[in-house]
Every structure is written in C-alpha cells, then in structure tokens.
Amino acid sequence: MKNEFIPYEQAIALIELGFDEPCFGWFDTGHLRAGCFESEYVTGLGDLLAPLYQQAFRWFRDKHGLRHFIEYDNGHYNAVVQSSLVYHCDTHEEAELACLKKLIELSTKTA
C-alpha cells in the first residue's frame, strides 16, 4: 500500500504548489499514516497530507494542464511529460516518480 502514496519530499513540494485535497493518508513527521484527512485536520507540527500518485497526476492535469504517460519499450519504462522523454527507468514505479518530479519542476517554474 505504501507504494500508492507519493514520497514525503514530493508531498512537501505539492503542498507548496497549492495541493489541498482530501487524502487517504498523511505523513506524521515523515512516517506514512492511514486515514482520510483534509488539510484542516492535519495540524501537527510535522503533519502533511499524503496524496496518492493518482491524485497528484490528476491534480497536475486539472490545475496546471500538464500531462504525462509511461511507456514500456525494450525492457525499460520511459517517463514522458508533455510529450518529452524525461527518463529511462527500470521499473514502472521509478517512471511514476520521474514523471512526478518533472511535473513538480515544471509547475515550480510557472508558479
């Protein structure tokens, strides 16, 4: 189940970009916790919403008009953002993370 949530570092970046949607988990001083929470209920000093990859990708698509996809080619997963190859990855999970990092980078530049 842990692999369904974006990493802590990327969750911080998403919150800084304005992500504020209900989540099925939160980070408690960096440790993933389960439950359904909205930002107003995550109030501890080290607490932070923990979006699913699916939520993060939908948020980038809806709020920033940014698209991604992952393709499998010749034993590698290609992470593609806005029709540009981002990275050749060994696993689908690595490709998801590469796409997420690139979407954050592009959104940070336009913010």
Protein backbone atom coordinates (compact mmCIF):
# COMPACT_ATOMS: atom_id res chain seq x y z
CA MET A 1 0.00 0.00 0.00
CA LYS A 2 2.89 2.37 0.73
CA ASN A 3 3.83 2.44 -2.97
CA GLU A 4 0.47 4.04 -3.80
CA PHE A 5 1.43 7.27 -1.98
CA ILE A 6 3.88 9.82 -3.30
CA PRO A 7 7.14 10.19 -1.32
CA TYR A 8 7.38 12.69 1.53
CA GLU A 9 9.68 15.10 -0.34
CA GLN A 10 7.27 15.32 -3.28
CA ALA A 11 4.30 15.75 -0.92
CA ILE A 12 6.03 18.82 0.53
CA ALA A 13 6.52 20.22 -2.98
CA LEU A 14 2.87 19.58 -3.91
CA ILE A 15 1.61 21.34 -0.78
CA GLU A 16 3.89 24.30 -1.59
CA LEU A 17 2.36 24.40 -5.09
CA GLY A 18 -1.15 24.59 -3.59
CA PHE A 19 -2.33 20.98 -3.39
CA ASP A 20 -5.11 20.90 -0.79
CA GLU A 21 -7.39 17.93 -1.41
CA PRO A 22 -8.69 15.21 0.92
CA CYS A 23 -6.25 12.29 1.15
CA PHE A 24 -6.34 8.69 2.37
CA GLY A 25 -3.18 9.23 4.36
CA TRP A 26 -0.84 11.73 5.90
CA PHE A 27 2.78 11.95 6.91
CA ASP A 28 3.43 12.26 10.63
CA THR A 29 6.98 13.66 10.85
CA GLY A 30 7.84 11.79 7.67
CA HIS A 31 6.09 8.50 8.52
CA LEU A 32 3.10 7.46 6.44
CA ARG A 33 -0.19 7.05 8.36
CA ALA A 34 -3.53 5.79 7.06
CA GLY A 35 -6.90 7.51 7.28
CA CYS A 36 -8.95 10.01 5.31
CA PHE A 37 -7.91 13.58 6.03
CA GLU A 38 -8.26 17.11 4.77
CA SER A 39 -5.62 19.74 5.35
CA GLU A 40 -7.51 21.46 8.17
CA TYR A 41 -7.38 18.25 10.21
CA VAL A 42 -3.67 17.66 9.70
CA THR A 43 -2.43 20.20 12.19
CA GLY A 44 0.56 18.70 13.97
CA LEU A 45 3.92 20.38 13.54
CA GLY A 46 5.29 17.58 11.34
CA ASP A 47 1.99 16.53 9.72
CA LEU A 48 1.49 16.70 5.99
CA LEU A 49 -1.12 15.36 3.56
CA ALA A 50 -0.03 12.21 1.70
CA PRO A 51 -1.56 12.19 -1.80
CA LEU A 52 -1.79 9.07 -3.93
CA TYR A 53 0.15 9.13 -7.21
CA GLN A 54 -3.23 9.06 -8.96
CA GLN A 55 -4.36 12.18 -7.07
CA ALA A 56 -1.13 14.04 -7.80
CA PHE A 57 -1.24 13.25 -11.52
CA ARG A 58 -4.93 14.26 -11.74
CA TRP A 59 -4.17 17.50 -9.85
CA PHE A 60 -1.37 18.42 -12.29
CA ARG A 61 -3.66 17.66 -15.21
CA ASP A 62 -6.63 19.64 -13.83
CA LYS A 63 -4.85 22.59 -12.19
CA HIS A 64 -1.81 23.05 -14.42
CA GLY A 65 -2.80 21.41 -17.71
CA LEU A 66 0.27 19.15 -17.50
CA ARG A 67 0.10 15.61 -18.86
CA HIS A 68 2.29 12.55 -18.51
CA PHE A 69 2.44 8.95 -19.61
CA ILE A 70 4.66 5.94 -19.10
CA GLU A 71 5.53 3.58 -21.92
CA TYR A 72 7.31 0.25 -21.89
CA ASP A 73 9.96 -0.09 -24.59
CA ASN A 74 12.76 -2.61 -24.98
CA GLY A 75 12.94 -3.61 -21.32
CA HIS A 76 12.69 -0.06 -19.95
CA TYR A 77 9.93 2.24 -18.81
CA ASN A 78 10.01 5.66 -20.39
CA ALA A 79 8.69 8.52 -18.28
CA VAL A 80 7.21 11.14 -20.59
CA VAL A 81 5.91 14.58 -19.54
CA GLN A 82 4.32 16.99 -22.01
CA SER A 83 5.43 14.74 -24.89
CA SER A 84 9.12 14.94 -23.86
CA LEU A 85 11.08 11.94 -22.64
CA VAL A 86 12.14 12.55 -19.06
CA TYR A 87 13.97 9.39 -18.11
CA HIS A 88 14.51 5.71 -18.97
CA CYS A 89 13.60 3.67 -15.88
CA ASP A 90 13.93 0.04 -14.86
CA THR A 91 10.52 -0.15 -13.17
CA HIS A 92 7.11 1.41 -13.61
CA GLU A 93 7.33 2.84 -10.09
CA GLU A 94 10.61 4.62 -10.93
CA ALA A 95 8.94 6.05 -14.04
CA GLU A 96 6.00 7.33 -11.97
CA LEU A 97 8.38 9.09 -9.59
CA ALA A 98 10.37 10.56 -12.50
CA CYS A 99 7.16 11.92 -14.04
CA LEU A 100 6.05 13.37 -10.70
CA LYS A 101 9.40 15.10 -10.14
CA LYS A 102 9.29 16.61 -13.64
CA LEU A 103 5.69 17.82 -13.17
CA ILE A 104 6.72 19.47 -9.90
CA GLU A 105 9.71 21.08 -11.60
CA LEU A 106 7.59 22.45 -14.44
CA SER A 107 4.93 23.77 -12.06
CA THR A 108 7.51 25.40 -9.82
CA LYS A 109 8.91 27.31 -12.80
CA THR A 110 5.48 28.66 -13.74
CA ALA A 111 4.36 29.49 -10.18
